Amino acid sequence: MALTGLLSKDVAVIAVPIVTLVLGLIIGWLGQRSGFCSIGGFRDFIMFKHTRLLFGFLALIGGAFIGYLVFKLIFPAAFEGFFWVLGKGLMPVPGAPASLTVTAYIVLAIVGGIAVGLIGVLLGGCPLRQLVMTSEGNIKSLFFVVGMAIGSVVYTAWASGLAVALLKAMGIA
């Protein structure tokens, strides 16, 4: 018997975005009050052996996973195929630039992660921290957020094709 959840699909379609917005506001408020920064957490741990920000990062990951499990129980229709990797194995990412191999996706994720990490270190914070600092009135962070939005559009429209062509030329894709 399939789990139907506490709410119907019609109600879940409206409730999930509202709950997500409320939780996003709560996480933003907590990020502002605590000074949360994932890149700063790793930096402080490596340089000074301080773990406060790093524990916040680990708590965010654990809380997100538990939150998804709770949402799946409440709104199962909104999370169809949540554990897809257990039932279907590794599959191409929907909406990805092309049907690439798993290795190609891993290479793209590593390159993207390194780029975000380097930029975050140079600017003094991860993307979440930059959003929080933008809401506090930091102009440098506003340029980061606008640049991140423009960069994602440019990558999706143009650079992803170049990345896919490069990976295929290297024999990875």
Protein backbone atom coordinates (compact mmCIF):
# COMPACT_ATOMS: atom_id res chain seq x y z
CA MET A 1 0.00 0.00 0.00
CA ALA A 2 1.41 3.35 -1.02
CA LEU A 3 1.85 6.07 1.53
CA THR A 4 -0.65 8.83 0.76
CA GLY A 5 0.65 11.38 3.23
CA LEU A 6 -1.20 13.87 5.36
CA LEU A 7 -2.18 16.17 2.48
CA SER A 8 -3.52 15.56 -1.00
CA LYS A 9 -1.40 16.41 -4.03
CA ASP A 10 -3.52 19.50 -4.78
CA VAL A 11 -2.91 20.90 -1.30
CA ALA A 12 0.76 19.83 -1.30
CA VAL A 13 1.43 21.77 -4.51
CA ILE A 14 0.41 24.96 -2.69
CA ALA A 15 1.74 24.07 0.77
CA VAL A 16 5.26 22.97 -0.18
CA PRO A 17 6.34 26.33 -1.70
CA ILE A 18 4.88 28.23 1.26
CA VAL A 19 6.60 25.99 3.79
CA THR A 20 9.83 26.23 1.78
CA LEU A 21 9.64 30.04 1.80
CA VAL A 22 9.02 30.13 5.55
CA LEU A 23 11.90 27.73 6.21
CA GLY A 24 14.13 29.77 3.90
CA LEU A 25 13.34 32.91 5.89
CA ILE A 26 14.08 31.08 9.14
CA ILE A 27 17.39 29.73 7.79
CA GLY A 28 18.30 33.21 6.52
CA TRP A 29 17.52 34.73 9.91
CA LEU A 30 19.57 32.05 11.68
CA GLY A 31 22.41 32.58 9.19
CA GLN A 32 22.39 36.30 9.91
CA ARG A 33 22.23 35.92 13.68
CA SER A 34 24.92 33.21 13.87
CA GLY A 35 27.32 34.51 11.20
CA PHE A 36 27.02 31.13 9.45
CA CYS A 37 29.39 30.48 6.56
CA SER A 38 30.36 27.05 5.26
CA ILE A 39 33.61 28.26 3.70
CA GLY A 40 34.44 30.21 6.85
CA GLY A 41 33.80 27.06 8.88
CA PHE A 42 36.41 25.10 6.96
CA ARG A 43 38.79 28.08 6.98
CA ASP A 44 38.49 28.52 10.75
CA PHE A 45 38.92 24.80 11.37
CA ILE A 46 42.04 24.50 9.17
CA MET A 47 43.70 27.72 10.28
CA PHE A 48 42.62 28.12 13.92
CA LYS A 49 41.06 24.76 14.92
CA HIS A 50 37.78 26.57 15.70
CA THR A 51 34.78 24.31 15.11
CA ARG A 52 31.77 26.57 15.79
CA LEU A 53 31.05 27.45 12.14
CA LEU A 54 31.97 23.94 10.95
CA PHE A 55 29.44 22.39 13.34
CA GLY A 56 26.86 24.81 11.96
CA PHE A 57 27.62 23.56 8.45
CA LEU A 58 27.29 19.92 9.52
CA ALA A 59 24.05 20.73 11.36
CA LEU A 60 22.68 22.37 8.21
CA ILE A 61 23.41 19.24 6.15
CA GLY A 62 21.90 16.94 8.78
CA GLY A 63 18.89 19.19 9.27
CA ALA A 64 18.27 19.38 5.53
CA PHE A 65 18.32 15.59 5.21
CA ILE A 66 15.98 15.12 8.17
CA GLY A 67 13.74 17.89 6.83
CA TYR A 68 13.46 16.14 3.46
CA LEU A 69 12.54 12.90 5.20
CA VAL A 70 9.84 14.68 7.22
CA PHE A 71 8.51 16.44 4.09
CA LYS A 72 8.43 13.12 2.27
CA LEU A 73 6.23 11.69 5.01
CA ILE A 74 3.91 14.71 4.99
CA PHE A 75 3.87 15.43 1.23
CA PRO A 76 4.88 12.19 -0.55
CA ALA A 77 3.36 13.27 -3.88
CA ALA A 78 5.69 16.29 -3.99
CA PHE A 79 8.77 14.09 -3.51
CA GLU A 80 8.18 11.25 -5.95
CA GLY A 81 11.40 9.36 -6.56
CA PHE A 82 13.26 11.00 -3.65
CA PHE A 83 15.41 7.90 -3.14
CA TRP A 84 15.84 7.33 -6.87
CA VAL A 85 19.43 6.14 -6.47
CA LEU A 86 18.27 3.18 -4.36
CA GLY A 87 15.68 1.98 -6.84
CA LYS A 88 17.03 2.99 -10.24
CA GLY A 89 20.76 3.47 -9.73
CA LEU A 90 22.67 6.46 -11.03
CA MET A 91 20.78 8.26 -13.78
CA PRO A 92 21.43 11.41 -15.83
CA VAL A 93 20.44 14.63 -14.13
CA PRO A 94 17.12 15.98 -15.51
CA GLY A 95 17.65 19.25 -17.33
CA ALA A 96 21.40 18.73 -17.59
CA PRO A 97 23.23 20.10 -20.65
CA ALA A 98 23.47 16.67 -22.30
CA SER A 99 23.33 13.00 -21.46
CA LEU A 100 26.75 12.69 -19.89
CA THR A 101 28.41 9.85 -18.05
CA VAL A 102 28.51 9.80 -14.27
CA THR A 103 32.22 10.62 -14.44
CA ALA A 104 31.49 13.77 -16.43
CA TYR A 105 28.95 14.93 -13.85
CA ILE A 106 31.48 14.30 -11.08
CA VAL A 107 34.15 16.29 -12.94
CA LEU A 108 31.73 19.19 -13.49
CA ALA A 109 30.69 19.11 -9.81
CA ILE A 110 34.31 19.13 -8.62
CA VAL A 111 35.31 21.97 -10.96
CA GLY A 112 32.22 23.99 -9.95
CA GLY A 113 32.82 23.32 -6.26
CA ILE A 114 36.45 24.42 -6.50
CA ALA A 115 35.42 27.58 -8.36
CA VAL A 116 32.76 28.48 -5.78
CA GLY A 117 35.22 27.72 -2.97
CA LEU A 118 37.97 29.91 -4.41
CA ILE A 119 35.61 32.79 -5.12
CA GLY A 120 34.08 32.40 -1.65
CA VAL A 121 37.51 32.56 -0.02
CA LEU A 122 38.47 35.64 -2.04
CA LEU A 123 35.22 37.41 -1.16
CA GLY A 124 35.08 36.29 2.45
CA GLY A 125 32.04 34.02 2.45
CA CYS A 126 29.98 31.27 0.88
CA PRO A 127 26.96 32.09 -1.32
CA LEU A 128 24.58 31.90 1.69
CA ARG A 129 26.78 34.29 3.64
CA GLN A 130 26.90 36.63 0.63
CA LEU A 131 23.08 36.63 0.46
CA VAL A 132 22.89 37.42 4.17
CA MET A 133 25.47 40.21 3.83
CA THR A 134 23.51 41.60 0.85
CA SER A 135 20.41 41.81 3.04
CA GLU A 136 22.53 43.67 5.60
CA GLY A 137 23.43 46.29 2.95
CA ASN A 138 26.89 45.14 1.85
CA ILE A 139 27.37 46.42 -1.73
CA LYS A 140 30.26 44.02 -2.50
CA SER A 141 27.98 41.12 -1.63
CA LEU A 142 25.24 42.55 -3.83
CA PHE A 143 27.64 42.45 -6.78
CA PHE A 144 28.44 38.82 -5.90
CA VAL A 145 24.75 37.84 -5.81
CA VAL A 146 23.96 39.63 -9.08
CA GLY A 147 27.07 38.12 -10.67
CA MET A 148 26.08 34.66 -9.43
CA ALA A 149 22.63 35.03 -11.02
CA ILE A 150 24.06 36.32 -14.30
CA GLY A 151 26.74 33.63 -14.26
CA SER A 152 24.19 30.86 -13.85
CA VAL A 153 22.21 32.16 -16.84
CA VAL A 154 25.36 32.51 -18.97
CA TYR A 155 26.55 29.03 -17.99
CA THR A 156 23.21 27.42 -18.75
CA ALA A 157 22.79 29.23 -22.07
CA TRP A 158 26.33 29.18 -23.39
CA ALA A 159 29.19 27.79 -21.30
CA SER A 160 27.57 24.42 -20.54
CA GLY A 161 27.81 23.58 -24.24
CA LEU A 162 31.52 24.37 -24.18
CA ALA A 163 32.01 22.31 -21.03
CA VAL A 164 30.20 19.34 -22.56
CA ALA A 165 32.23 19.64 -25.79
CA LEU A 166 35.47 19.80 -23.78
CA LEU A 167 34.54 16.75 -21.70
CA LYS A 168 33.61 14.81 -24.85
CA ALA A 169 36.88 15.83 -26.53
CA MET A 170 38.78 14.58 -23.46
CA GLY A 171 36.88 11.29 -23.62
CA ILE A 172 35.26 11.76 -20.21
CA ALA A 173 31.68 12.32 -21.36
